Amino acid sequence: MTMSPQSTAPAETQAPASDLDEQLQAEHGLARGIIIGVLVAVPISVGVLMGLIYLAVSDVKTGLGGPLAMAAAVGVLTGLFFGSWAGFVSNTHAFEELDRKANLRRRSPRP
């Protein structure tokens, strides 16, 4: 006769299915917000940086290809950074609410 080992973890650490669904929804919302932020920020950053470089280099008698390509590359990196940052910041409220609910659940006495 074999005995299966019992879990030593407290029962209160296991989240109910509804809490897990809320957490998954918050994570999907975060991913969606980051993707939308990046899709918006990259073209704007590329356009702004290429415009600035064009204005800076247009008076000089050199080719514009290299500086504008570099501005486009830096614009993509800038857009990735600021788009992800904006997407993350716009969804922090969902994670703060999940933390608040978890703290309230942990403090409330169990019957």
PDB file of N, CA and C in Angstrom:
ATOM      1  N   MET A   1       0.831  -1.152   0.000  1.00  0.00           N
ATOM      2  CA  MET A   1       0.000   0.000   0.000  1.00  0.00           C
ATOM      3  C   MET A   1       0.897   1.244   0.000  1.00  0.00           C
ATOM      4  N   THR A   2       0.690   2.079  -1.027  1.00  0.00           N
ATOM      5  CA  THR A   2       1.487   3.302  -1.143  1.00  0.00           C
ATOM      6  C   THR A   2       0.636   4.495  -0.779  1.00  0.00           C
ATOM      7  N   MET A   3       1.282   5.446  -0.184  1.00  0.00           N
ATOM      8  CA  MET A   3       0.583   6.668   0.182  1.00  0.00           C
ATOM      9  C   MET A   3       1.116   7.808  -0.679  1.00  0.00           C
ATOM     10  N   SER A   4       0.223   8.603  -1.204  1.00  0.00           N
ATOM     11  CA  SER A   4       0.660   9.742  -2.009  1.00  0.00           C
ATOM     12  C   SER A   4       1.009  10.889  -1.076  1.00  0.00           C
ATOM     13  N   PRO A   5       2.052  11.642  -1.404  1.00  0.00           N
ATOM     14  CA  PRO A   5       2.441  12.762  -0.532  1.00  0.00           C
ATOM     15  C   PRO A   5       1.392  13.863  -0.588  1.00  0.00           C
ATOM     16  N   GLN A   6       1.128  14.436   0.552  1.00  0.00           N
ATOM     17  CA  GLN A   6       0.159  15.514   0.617  1.00  0.00           C
ATOM     18  C   GLN A   6       0.884  16.849   0.487  1.00  0.00           C
ATOM     19  N   SER A   7       0.192  17.793  -0.064  1.00  0.00           N
ATOM     20  CA  SER A   7       0.769  19.116  -0.252  1.00  0.00           C
ATOM     21  C   SER A   7       0.929  19.806   1.094  1.00  0.00           C
ATOM     22  N   THR A   8       2.069  20.439   1.290  1.00  0.00           N
ATOM     23  CA  THR A   8       2.318  21.177   2.530  1.00  0.00           C
ATOM     24  C   THR A   8       2.014  22.659   2.363  1.00  0.00           C
ATOM     25  N   ALA A   9       1.625  23.078   1.171  1.00  0.00           N
ATOM     26  CA  ALA A   9       1.303  24.482   0.921  1.00  0.00           C
ATOM     27  C   ALA A   9      -0.033  24.819   1.561  1.00  0.00           C
ATOM     28  N   PRO A  10      -0.156  26.006   2.127  1.00  0.00           N
ATOM     29  CA  PRO A  10      -1.446  26.388   2.713  1.00  0.00           C
ATOM     30  C   PRO A  10      -2.520  26.474   1.647  1.00  0.00           C
ATOM     31  N   ALA A  11      -3.746  26.187   2.034  1.00  0.00           N
ATOM     32  CA  ALA A  11      -4.856  26.171   1.077  1.00  0.00           C
ATOM     33  C   ALA A  11      -5.162  27.562   0.533  1.00  0.00           C
ATOM     34  N   GLU A  12      -4.845  28.613   1.272  1.00  0.00           N
ATOM     35  CA  GLU A  12      -5.198  29.962   0.840  1.00  0.00           C
ATOM     36  C   GLU A  12      -4.330  30.478  -0.306  1.00  0.00           C
ATOM     37  N   THR A  13      -3.215  29.802  -0.630  1.00  0.00           N
ATOM     38  CA  THR A  13      -2.364  30.268  -1.717  1.00  0.00           C
ATOM     39  C   THR A  13      -2.913  29.871  -3.081  1.00  0.00           C
ATOM     40  N   GLN A  14      -3.840  28.942  -3.120  1.00  0.00           N
ATOM     41  CA  GLN A  14      -4.405  28.538  -4.395  1.00  0.00           C
ATOM     42  C   GLN A  14      -5.530  29.507  -4.759  1.00  0.00           C
ATOM     43  N   ALA A  15      -5.386  30.117  -5.920  1.00  0.00           N
ATOM     44  CA  ALA A  15      -6.367  31.109  -6.356  1.00  0.00           C
ATOM     45  C   ALA A  15      -7.560  30.420  -6.994  1.00  0.00           C
ATOM     46  N   PRO A  16      -8.759  30.924  -6.757  1.00  0.00           N
ATOM     47  CA  PRO A  16      -9.931  30.377  -7.436  1.00  0.00           C
ATOM     48  C   PRO A  16      -9.855  30.612  -8.940  1.00  0.00           C
ATOM     49  N   ALA A  17     -10.663  29.856  -9.660  1.00  0.00           N
ATOM     50  CA  ALA A  17     -10.630  29.941 -11.123  1.00  0.00           C
ATOM     51  C   ALA A  17     -10.997  31.339 -11.616  1.00  0.00           C
ATOM     52  N   SER A  18     -11.911  32.020 -10.925  1.00  0.00           N
ATOM     53  CA  SER A  18     -12.301  33.352 -11.379  1.00  0.00           C
ATOM     54  C   SER A  18     -11.130  34.336 -11.244  1.00  0.00           C
ATOM     55  N   ASP A  19     -10.318  34.177 -10.180  1.00  0.00           N
ATOM     56  CA  ASP A  19      -9.151  35.035 -10.022  1.00  0.00           C
ATOM     57  C   ASP A  19      -8.134  34.776 -11.116  1.00  0.00           C
ATOM     58  N   LEU A  20      -7.980  33.519 -11.468  1.00  0.00           N
ATOM     59  CA  LEU A  20      -7.049  33.177 -12.548  1.00  0.00           C
ATOM     60  C   LEU A  20      -7.529  33.754 -13.873  1.00  0.00           C
ATOM     61  N   ASP A  21      -8.828  33.723 -14.101  1.00  0.00           N
ATOM     62  CA  ASP A  21      -9.374  34.317 -15.327  1.00  0.00           C
ATOM     63  C   ASP A  21      -9.145  35.826 -15.359  1.00  0.00           C
ATOM     64  N   GLU A  22      -9.322  36.480 -14.209  1.00  0.00           N
ATOM     65  CA  GLU A  22      -9.062  37.918 -14.149  1.00  0.00           C
ATOM     66  C   GLU A  22      -7.607  38.233 -14.429  1.00  0.00           C
ATOM     67  N   GLN A  23      -6.718  37.405 -13.896  1.00  0.00           N
ATOM     68  CA  GLN A  23      -5.289  37.615 -14.121  1.00  0.00           C
ATOM     69  C   GLN A  23      -4.942  37.416 -15.594  1.00  0.00           C
ATOM     70  N   LEU A  24      -5.505  36.397 -16.211  1.00  0.00           N
ATOM     71  CA  LEU A  24      -5.248  36.162 -17.637  1.00  0.00           C
ATOM     72  C   LEU A  24      -5.795  37.302 -18.488  1.00  0.00           C
ATOM     73  N   GLN A  25      -6.962  37.821 -18.132  1.00  0.00           N
ATOM     74  CA  GLN A  25      -7.516  38.950 -18.872  1.00  0.00           C
ATOM     75  C   GLN A  25      -6.625  40.179 -18.736  1.00  0.00           C
ATOM     76  N   ALA A  26      -6.096  40.402 -17.537  1.00  0.00           N
ATOM     77  CA  ALA A  26      -5.199  41.546 -17.335  1.00  0.00           C
ATOM     78  C   ALA A  26      -3.920  41.377 -18.151  1.00  0.00           C
ATOM     79  N   GLU A  27      -3.390  40.164 -18.205  1.00  0.00           N
ATOM     80  CA  GLU A  27      -2.171  39.923 -18.978  1.00  0.00           C
ATOM     81  C   GLU A  27      -2.422  40.083 -20.473  1.00  0.00           C
ATOM     82  N   HIS A  28      -3.569  39.611 -20.936  1.00  0.00           N
ATOM     83  CA  HIS A  28      -3.899  39.792 -22.359  1.00  0.00           C
ATOM     84  C   HIS A  28      -4.107  41.268 -22.681  1.00  0.00           C
ATOM     85  N   GLY A  29      -4.723  41.985 -21.762  1.00  0.00           N
ATOM     86  CA  GLY A  29      -4.889  43.428 -21.953  1.00  0.00           C
ATOM     87  C   GLY A  29      -3.552  44.147 -21.997  1.00  0.00           C
ATOM     88  N   LEU A  30      -2.609  43.702 -21.169  1.00  0.00           N
ATOM     89  CA  LEU A  30      -1.270  44.290 -21.180  1.00  0.00           C
ATOM     90  C   LEU A  30      -0.581  44.035 -22.516  1.00  0.00           C
ATOM     91  N   ALA A  31      -0.646  42.799 -22.995  1.00  0.00           N
ATOM     92  CA  ALA A  31      -0.014  42.476 -24.281  1.00  0.00           C
ATOM     93  C   ALA A  31      -0.664  43.279 -25.410  1.00  0.00           C
ATOM     94  N   ARG A  32      -1.981  43.385 -25.385  1.00  0.00           N
ATOM     95  CA  ARG A  32      -2.693  44.146 -26.417  1.00  0.00           C
ATOM     96  C   ARG A  32      -2.304  45.626 -26.356  1.00  0.00           C
ATOM     97  N   GLY A  33      -2.213  46.174 -25.145  1.00  0.00           N
ATOM     98  CA  GLY A  33      -1.838  47.576 -24.995  1.00  0.00           C
ATOM     99  C   GLY A  33      -0.428  47.856 -25.480  1.00  0.00           C
ATOM    100  N   ILE A  34       0.497  46.932 -25.207  1.00  0.00           N
ATOM    101  CA  ILE A  34       1.879  47.107 -25.666  1.00  0.00           C
ATOM    102  C   ILE A  34       1.944  47.044 -27.185  1.00  0.00           C
ATOM    103  N   ILE A  35       1.228  46.099 -27.776  1.00  0.00           N
ATOM    104  CA  ILE A  35       1.256  45.972 -29.243  1.00  0.00           C
ATOM    105  C   ILE A  35       0.668  47.221 -29.900  1.00  0.00           C
ATOM    106  N   ILE A  36      -0.453  47.694 -29.376  1.00  0.00           N
ATOM    107  CA  ILE A  36      -1.067  48.900 -29.946  1.00  0.00           C
ATOM    108  C   ILE A  36      -0.150  50.099 -29.757  1.00  0.00           C
ATOM    109  N   GLY A  37       0.458  50.216 -28.577  1.00  0.00           N
ATOM    110  CA  GLY A  37       1.378  51.325 -28.325  1.00  0.00           C
ATOM    111  C   GLY A  37       2.556  51.330 -29.275  1.00  0.00           C
ATOM    112  N   VAL A  38       3.110  50.150 -29.539  1.00  0.00           N
ATOM    113  CA  VAL A  38       4.249  50.055 -30.459  1.00  0.00           C
ATOM    114  C   VAL A  38       3.810  50.387 -31.888  1.00  0.00           C
ATOM    115  N   LEU A  39       2.641  49.877 -32.289  1.00  0.00           N
ATOM    116  CA  LEU A  39       2.157  50.152 -33.647  1.00  0.00           C
ATOM    117  C   LEU A  39       1.870  51.635 -33.873  1.00  0.00           C
ATOM    118  N   VAL A  40       1.528  52.343 -32.835  1.00  0.00           N
ATOM    119  CA  VAL A  40       1.279  53.779 -32.957  1.00  0.00           C
ATOM    120  C   VAL A  40       2.582  54.564 -32.869  1.00  0.00           C
ATOM    121  N   ALA A  41       3.452  54.188 -31.927  1.00  0.00           N
ATOM    122  CA  ALA A  41       4.649  54.986 -31.646  1.00  0.00           C
ATOM    123  C   ALA A  41       5.745  54.842 -32.707  1.00  0.00           C
ATOM    124  N   VAL A  42       5.883  53.678 -33.326  1.00  0.00           N
ATOM    125  CA  VAL A  42       6.979  53.487 -34.295  1.00  0.00           C
ATOM    126  C   VAL A  42       6.846  54.429 -35.495  1.00  0.00           C
ATOM    127  N   PRO A  43       5.699  54.491 -36.180  1.00  0.00           N
ATOM    128  CA  PRO A  43       5.629  55.419 -37.323  1.00  0.00           C
ATOM    129  C   PRO A  43       5.800  56.887 -36.923  1.00  0.00           C
ATOM    130  N   ILE A  44       5.260  57.238 -35.769  1.00  0.00           N
ATOM    131  CA  ILE A  44       5.407  58.624 -35.320  1.00  0.00           C
ATOM    132  C   ILE A  44       6.872  58.941 -35.045  1.00  0.00           C
ATOM    133  N   SER A  45       7.561  58.045 -34.339  1.00  0.00           N
ATOM    134  CA  SER A  45       8.974  58.275 -34.018  1.00  0.00           C
ATOM    135  C   SER A  45       9.834  58.309 -35.269  1.00  0.00           C
ATOM    136  N   VAL A  46       9.571  57.406 -36.202  1.00  0.00           N
ATOM    137  CA  VAL A  46      10.347  57.388 -37.446  1.00  0.00           C
ATOM    138  C   VAL A  46      10.127  58.692 -38.212  1.00  0.00           C
ATOM    139  N   GLY A  47       8.881  59.122 -38.314  1.00  0.00           N
ATOM    140  CA  GLY A  47       8.589  60.371 -39.034  1.00  0.00           C
ATOM    141  C   GLY A  47       9.230  61.583 -38.391  1.00  0.00           C
ATOM    142  N   VAL A  48       9.152  61.673 -37.077  1.00  0.00           N
ATOM    143  CA  VAL A  48       9.723  62.834 -36.382  1.00  0.00           C
ATOM    144  C   VAL A  48      11.240  62.846 -36.534  1.00  0.00           C
ATOM    145  N   LEU A  49      11.892  61.724 -36.305  1.00  0.00           N
ATOM    146  CA  LEU A  49      13.355  61.698 -36.389  1.00  0.00           C
ATOM    147  C   LEU A  49      13.856  61.896 -37.819  1.00  0.00           C
ATOM    148  N   MET A  50      13.157  61.317 -38.788  1.00  0.00           N
ATOM    149  CA  MET A  50      13.580  61.536 -40.171  1.00  0.00           C
ATOM    150  C   MET A  50      13.389  63.000 -40.565  1.00  0.00           C
ATOM    151  N   GLY A  51      12.312  63.619 -40.079  1.00  0.00           N
ATOM    152  CA  GLY A  51      12.104  65.036 -40.356  1.00  0.00           C
ATOM    153  C   GLY A  51      13.181  65.906 -39.725  1.00  0.00           C
ATOM    154  N   LEU A  52      13.542  65.606 -38.496  1.00  0.00           N
ATOM    155  CA  LEU A  52      14.597  66.376 -37.826  1.00  0.00           C
ATOM    156  C   LEU A  52      15.945  66.224 -38.533  1.00  0.00           C
ATOM    157  N   ILE A  53      16.264  64.993 -38.910  1.00  0.00           N
ATOM    158  CA  ILE A  53      17.542  64.766 -39.594  1.00  0.00           C
ATOM    159  C   ILE A  53      17.530  65.418 -40.971  1.00  0.00           C
ATOM    160  N   TYR A  54      16.400  65.363 -41.663  1.00  0.00           N
ATOM    161  CA  TYR A  54      16.318  66.014 -42.970  1.00  0.00           C
ATOM    162  C   TYR A  54      16.549  67.520 -42.835  1.00  0.00           C
ATOM    163  N   LEU A  55      15.914  68.117 -41.830  1.00  0.00           N
ATOM    164  CA  LEU A  55      16.121  69.553 -41.623  1.00  0.00           C
ATOM    165  C   LEU A  55      17.567  69.872 -41.254  1.00  0.00           C
ATOM    166  N   ALA A  56      18.189  68.997 -40.506  1.00  0.00           N
ATOM    167  CA  ALA A  56      19.562  69.251 -40.068  1.00  0.00           C
ATOM    168  C   ALA A  56      20.568  69.071 -41.197  1.00  0.00           C
ATOM    169  N   VAL A  57      20.304  68.138 -42.112  1.00  0.00           N
ATOM    170  CA  VAL A  57      21.296  67.788 -43.133  1.00  0.00           C
ATOM    171  C   VAL A  57      20.968  68.382 -44.495  1.00  0.00           C
ATOM    172  N   SER A  58      19.826  68.974 -44.669  1.00  0.00           N
ATOM    173  CA  SER A  58      19.420  69.432 -45.999  1.00  0.00           C
ATOM    174  C   SER A  58      20.304  70.564 -46.535  1.00  0.00           C
ATOM    175  N   ASP A  59      20.900  71.371 -45.685  1.00  0.00           N
ATOM    176  CA  ASP A  59      21.758  72.461 -46.146  1.00  0.00           C
ATOM    177  C   ASP A  59      23.145  71.987 -46.552  1.00  0.00           C
ATOM    178  N   VAL A  60      23.557  70.838 -46.073  1.00  0.00           N
ATOM    179  CA  VAL A  60      24.899  70.311 -46.350  1.00  0.00           C
ATOM    180  C   VAL A  60      24.872  69.574 -47.687  1.00  0.00           C
ATOM    181  N   LYS A  61      25.957  69.691 -48.437  1.00  0.00           N
ATOM    182  CA  LYS A  61      26.031  69.071 -49.762  1.00  0.00           C
ATOM    183  C   LYS A  61      26.464  67.608 -49.657  1.00  0.00           C
ATOM    184  N   THR A  62      25.742  66.817 -48.890  1.00  0.00           N
ATOM    185  CA  THR A  62      26.036  65.384 -48.780  1.00  0.00           C
ATOM    186  C   THR A  62      24.789  64.608 -49.127  1.00  0.00           C
ATOM    187  N   GLY A  63      24.960  63.320 -49.279  1.00  0.00           N
ATOM    188  CA  GLY A  63      23.810  62.473 -49.556  1.00  0.00           C
ATOM    189  C   GLY A  63      22.921  62.346 -48.322  1.00  0.00           C
ATOM    190  N   LEU A  64      21.633  62.229 -48.564  1.00  0.00           N
ATOM    191  CA  LEU A  64      20.686  62.117 -47.459  1.00  0.00           C
ATOM    192  C   LEU A  64      20.381  60.672 -47.082  1.00  0.00           C
ATOM    193  N   GLY A  65      20.802  59.725 -47.907  1.00  0.00           N
ATOM    194  CA  GLY A  65      20.445  58.323 -47.687  1.00  0.00           C
ATOM    195  C   GLY A  65      20.927  57.771 -46.360  1.00  0.00           C
ATOM    196  N   GLY A  66      22.186  57.948 -46.051  1.00  0.00           N
ATOM    197  CA  GLY A  66      22.749  57.409 -44.814  1.00  0.00           C
ATOM    198  C   GLY A  66      22.137  58.015 -43.561  1.00  0.00           C
ATOM    199  N   PRO A  67      22.125  59.337 -43.470  1.00  0.00           N
ATOM    200  CA  PRO A  67      21.528  59.938 -42.263  1.00  0.00           C
ATOM    201  C   PRO A  67      20.044  59.606 -42.091  1.00  0.00           C
ATOM    202  N   LEU A  68      19.298  59.571 -43.200  1.00  0.00           N
ATOM    203  CA  LEU A  68      17.874  59.262 -43.079  1.00  0.00           C
ATOM    204  C   LEU A  68      17.639  57.802 -42.711  1.00  0.00           C
ATOM    205  N   ALA A  69      18.486  56.900 -43.219  1.00  0.00           N
ATOM    206  CA  ALA A  69      18.371  55.486 -42.837  1.00  0.00           C
ATOM    207  C   ALA A  69      18.683  55.306 -41.353  1.00  0.00           C
ATOM    208  N   MET A  70      19.697  56.022 -40.882  1.00  0.00           N
ATOM    209  CA  MET A  70      20.032  55.949 -39.468  1.00  0.00           C
ATOM    210  C   MET A  70      18.898  56.535 -38.622  1.00  0.00           C
ATOM    211  N   ALA A  71      18.297  57.617 -39.075  1.00  0.00           N
ATOM    212  CA  ALA A  71      17.169  58.204 -38.348  1.00  0.00           C
ATOM    213  C   ALA A  71      15.988  57.241 -38.300  1.00  0.00           C
ATOM    214  N   ALA A  72      15.761  56.517 -39.392  1.00  0.00           N
ATOM    215  CA  ALA A  72      14.673  55.539 -39.410  1.00  0.00           C
ATOM    216  C   ALA A  72      14.943  54.407 -38.422  1.00  0.00           C
ATOM    217  N   ALA A  73      16.183  53.932 -38.376  1.00  0.00           N
ATOM    218  CA  ALA A  73      16.530  52.852 -37.444  1.00  0.00           C
ATOM    219  C   ALA A  73      16.382  53.310 -35.997  1.00  0.00           C
ATOM    220  N   VAL A  74      16.856  54.498 -35.702  1.00  0.00           N
ATOM    221  CA  VAL A  74      16.726  55.026 -34.342  1.00  0.00           C
ATOM    222  C   VAL A  74      15.252  55.292 -34.030  1.00  0.00           C
ATOM    223  N   GLY A  75      14.486  55.707 -35.003  1.00  0.00           N
ATOM    224  CA  GLY A  75      13.056  55.923 -34.811  1.00  0.00           C
ATOM    225  C   GLY A  75      12.326  54.637 -34.478  1.00  0.00           C
ATOM    226  N   VAL A  76      12.719  53.532 -35.114  1.00  0.00           N
ATOM    227  CA  VAL A  76      12.112  52.235 -34.794  1.00  0.00           C
ATOM    228  C   VAL A  76      12.425  51.850 -33.351  1.00  0.00           C
ATOM    229  N   LEU A  77      13.671  52.001 -32.954  1.00  0.00           N
ATOM    230  CA  LEU A  77      14.051  51.668 -31.578  1.00  0.00           C
ATOM    231  C   LEU A  77      13.331  52.573 -30.575  1.00  0.00           C
ATOM    232  N   THR A  78      13.253  53.850 -30.896  1.00  0.00           N
ATOM    233  CA  THR A  78      12.559  54.790 -30.021  1.00  0.00           C
ATOM    234  C   THR A  78      11.078  54.445 -29.916  1.00  0.00           C
ATOM    235  N   GLY A  79      10.479  54.112 -31.043  1.00  0.00           N
ATOM    236  CA  GLY A  79       9.067  53.737 -31.042  1.00  0.00           C
ATOM    237  C   GLY A  79       8.810  52.459 -30.266  1.00  0.00           C
ATOM    238  N   LEU A  80       9.720  51.485 -30.381  1.00  0.00           N
ATOM    239  CA  LEU A  80       9.569  50.254 -29.605  1.00  0.00           C
ATOM    240  C   LEU A  80       9.620  50.551 -28.109  1.00  0.00           C
ATOM    241  N   PHE A  81      10.559  51.379 -27.703  1.00  0.00           N
ATOM    242  CA  PHE A  81      10.690  51.693 -26.285  1.00  0.00           C
ATOM    243  C   PHE A  81       9.480  52.457 -25.767  1.00  0.00           C
ATOM    244  N   PHE A  82       9.153  53.582 -26.404  1.00  0.00           N
ATOM    245  CA  PHE A  82       8.072  54.408 -25.897  1.00  0.00           C
ATOM    246  C   PHE A  82       6.704  53.767 -26.098  1.00  0.00           C
ATOM    247  N   GLY A  83       6.541  52.966 -27.148  1.00  0.00           N
ATOM    248  CA  GLY A  83       5.279  52.254 -27.346  1.00  0.00           C
ATOM    249  C   GLY A  83       5.056  51.205 -26.282  1.00  0.00           C
ATOM    250  N   SER A  84       6.098  50.443 -25.939  1.00  0.00           N
ATOM    251  CA  SER A  84       5.944  49.454 -24.868  1.00  0.00           C
ATOM    252  C   SER A  84       5.739  50.133 -23.531  1.00  0.00           C
ATOM    253  N   TRP A  85       6.442  51.228 -23.306  1.00  0.00           N
ATOM    254  CA  TRP A  85       6.274  51.953 -22.049  1.00  0.00           C
ATOM    255  C   TRP A  85       4.843  52.478 -21.927  1.00  0.00           C
ATOM    256  N   ALA A  86       4.329  53.080 -22.982  1.00  0.00           N
ATOM    257  CA  ALA A  86       2.966  53.620 -22.940  1.00  0.00           C
ATOM    258  C   ALA A  86       1.935  52.511 -22.766  1.00  0.00           C
ATOM    259  N   GLY A  87       2.132  51.383 -23.452  1.00  0.00           N
ATOM    260  CA  GLY A  87       1.212  50.259 -23.293  1.00  0.00           C
ATOM    261  C   GLY A  87       1.224  49.699 -21.889  1.00  0.00           C
ATOM    262  N   PHE A  88       2.392  49.636 -21.283  1.00  0.00           N
ATOM    263  CA  PHE A  88       2.502  49.127 -19.926  1.00  0.00           C
ATOM    264  C   PHE A  88       1.866  50.090 -18.932  1.00  0.00           C
ATOM    265  N   VAL A  89       2.180  51.360 -19.059  1.00  0.00           N
ATOM    266  CA  VAL A  89       1.652  52.351 -18.116  1.00  0.00           C
ATOM    267  C   VAL A  89       0.132  52.453 -18.227  1.00  0.00           C
ATOM    268  N   SER A  90      -0.403  52.299 -19.426  1.00  0.00           N
ATOM    269  CA  SER A  90      -1.851  52.423 -19.592  1.00  0.00           C
ATOM    270  C   SER A  90      -2.608  51.227 -19.015  1.00  0.00           C
ATOM    271  N   ASN A  91      -1.918  50.140 -18.680  1.00  0.00           N
ATOM    272  CA  ASN A  91      -2.596  48.961 -18.139  1.00  0.00           C
ATOM    273  C   ASN A  91      -2.193  48.614 -16.714  1.00  0.00           C
ATOM    274  N   THR A  92      -1.456  49.461 -16.049  1.00  0.00           N
ATOM    275  CA  THR A  92      -1.044  49.143 -14.681  1.00  0.00           C
ATOM    276  C   THR A  92      -2.217  49.122 -13.716  1.00  0.00           C
ATOM    277  N   HIS A  93      -3.284  49.848 -14.017  1.00  0.00           N
ATOM    278  CA  HIS A  93      -4.436  49.878 -13.115  1.00  0.00           C
ATOM    279  C   HIS A  93      -5.045  48.499 -12.933  1.00  0.00           C
ATOM    280  N   ALA A  94      -5.034  47.674 -13.982  1.00  0.00           N
ATOM    281  CA  ALA A  94      -5.605  46.326 -13.879  1.00  0.00           C
ATOM    282  C   ALA A  94      -4.795  45.468 -12.906  1.00  0.00           C
ATOM    283  N   PHE A  95      -3.477  45.579 -12.962  1.00  0.00           N
ATOM    284  CA  PHE A  95      -2.640  44.794 -12.064  1.00  0.00           C
ATOM    285  C   PHE A  95      -2.705  45.325 -10.638  1.00  0.00           C
ATOM    286  N   GLU A  96      -2.852  46.628 -10.472  1.00  0.00           N
ATOM    287  CA  GLU A  96      -3.018  47.187  -9.133  1.00  0.00           C
ATOM    288  C   GLU A  96      -4.321  46.709  -8.510  1.00  0.00           C
ATOM    289  N   GLU A  97      -5.363  46.606  -9.307  1.00  0.00           N
ATOM    290  CA  GLU A  97      -6.642  46.105  -8.799  1.00  0.00           C
ATOM    291  C   GLU A  97      -6.528  44.631  -8.402  1.00  0.00           C
ATOM    292  N   LEU A  98      -5.813  43.840  -9.184  1.00  0.00           N
ATOM    293  CA  LEU A  98      -5.609  42.430  -8.823  1.00  0.00           C
ATOM    294  C   LEU A  98      -4.825  42.316  -7.525  1.00  0.00           C
ATOM    295  N   ASP A  99      -3.809  43.135  -7.350  1.00  0.00           N
ATOM    296  CA  ASP A  99      -3.043  43.118  -6.101  1.00  0.00           C
ATOM    297  C   ASP A  99      -3.904  43.532  -4.916  1.00  0.00           C
ATOM    298  N   ARG A 100      -4.743  44.534  -5.114  1.00  0.00           N
ATOM    299  CA  ARG A 100      -5.611  44.989  -4.035  1.00  0.00           C
ATOM    300  C   ARG A 100      -6.563  43.884  -3.607  1.00  0.00           C
ATOM    301  N   LYS A 101      -7.151  43.184  -4.576  1.00  0.00           N
ATOM    302  CA  LYS A 101      -8.063  42.080  -4.259  1.00  0.00           C
ATOM    303  C   LYS A 101      -7.328  40.948  -3.542  1.00  0.00           C
ATOM    304  N   ALA A 102      -6.116  40.650  -3.981  1.00  0.00           N
ATOM    305  CA  ALA A 102      -5.350  39.579  -3.333  1.00  0.00           C
ATOM    306  C   ALA A 102      -4.997  39.958  -1.900  1.00  0.00           C
ATOM    307  N   ASN A 103      -4.643  41.212  -1.661  1.00  0.00           N
ATOM    308  CA  ASN A 103      -4.321  41.648  -0.300  1.00  0.00           C
ATOM    309  C   ASN A 103      -5.555  41.611   0.595  1.00  0.00           C
ATOM    310  N   LEU A 104      -6.695  42.011   0.071  1.00  0.00           N
ATOM    311  CA  LEU A 104      -7.924  41.942   0.857  1.00  0.00           C
ATOM    312  C   LEU A 104      -8.293  40.505   1.180  1.00  0.00           C
ATOM    313  N   ARG A 105      -8.124  39.604   0.234  1.00  0.00           N
ATOM    314  CA  ARG A 105      -8.436  38.204   0.442  1.00  0.00           C
ATOM    315  C   ARG A 105      -7.495  37.594   1.484  1.00  0.00           C
ATOM    316  N   ARG A 106      -6.253  38.000   1.461  1.00  0.00           N
ATOM    317  CA  ARG A 106      -5.271  37.459   2.403  1.00  0.00           C
ATOM    318  C   ARG A 106      -5.538  37.956   3.826  1.00  0.00           C
ATOM    319  N   ARG A 107      -6.037  39.171   3.955  1.00  0.00           N
ATOM    320  CA  ARG A 107      -6.291  39.745   5.283  1.00  0.00           C
ATOM    321  C   ARG A 107      -7.603  39.289   5.878  1.00  0.00           C
ATOM    322  N   SER A 108      -8.582  38.918   5.037  1.00  0.00           N
ATOM    323  CA  SER A 108      -9.885  38.542   5.567  1.00  0.00           C
ATOM    324  C   SER A 108      -9.798  37.181   6.251  1.00  0.00           C
ATOM    325  N   PRO A 109     -10.445  37.028   7.397  1.00  0.00           N
ATOM    326  CA  PRO A 109     -10.385  35.744   8.112  1.00  0.00           C
ATOM    327  C   PRO A 109     -11.194  34.688   7.379  1.00  0.00           C
ATOM    328  N   ARG A 110     -10.657  33.484   7.374  1.00  0.00           N
ATOM    329  CA  ARG A 110     -11.343  32.349   6.751  1.00  0.00           C
ATOM    330  C   ARG A 110     -12.251  31.679   7.790  1.00  0.00           C
ATOM    331  N   PRO A 111     -13.486  31.290   7.395  1.00  0.00           N
ATOM    332  CA  PRO A 111     -14.374  30.604   8.354  1.00  0.00           C
ATOM    333  C   PRO A 111     -13.931  29.202   8.645  1.00  0.00           C
TER     334      PRO A 111
END
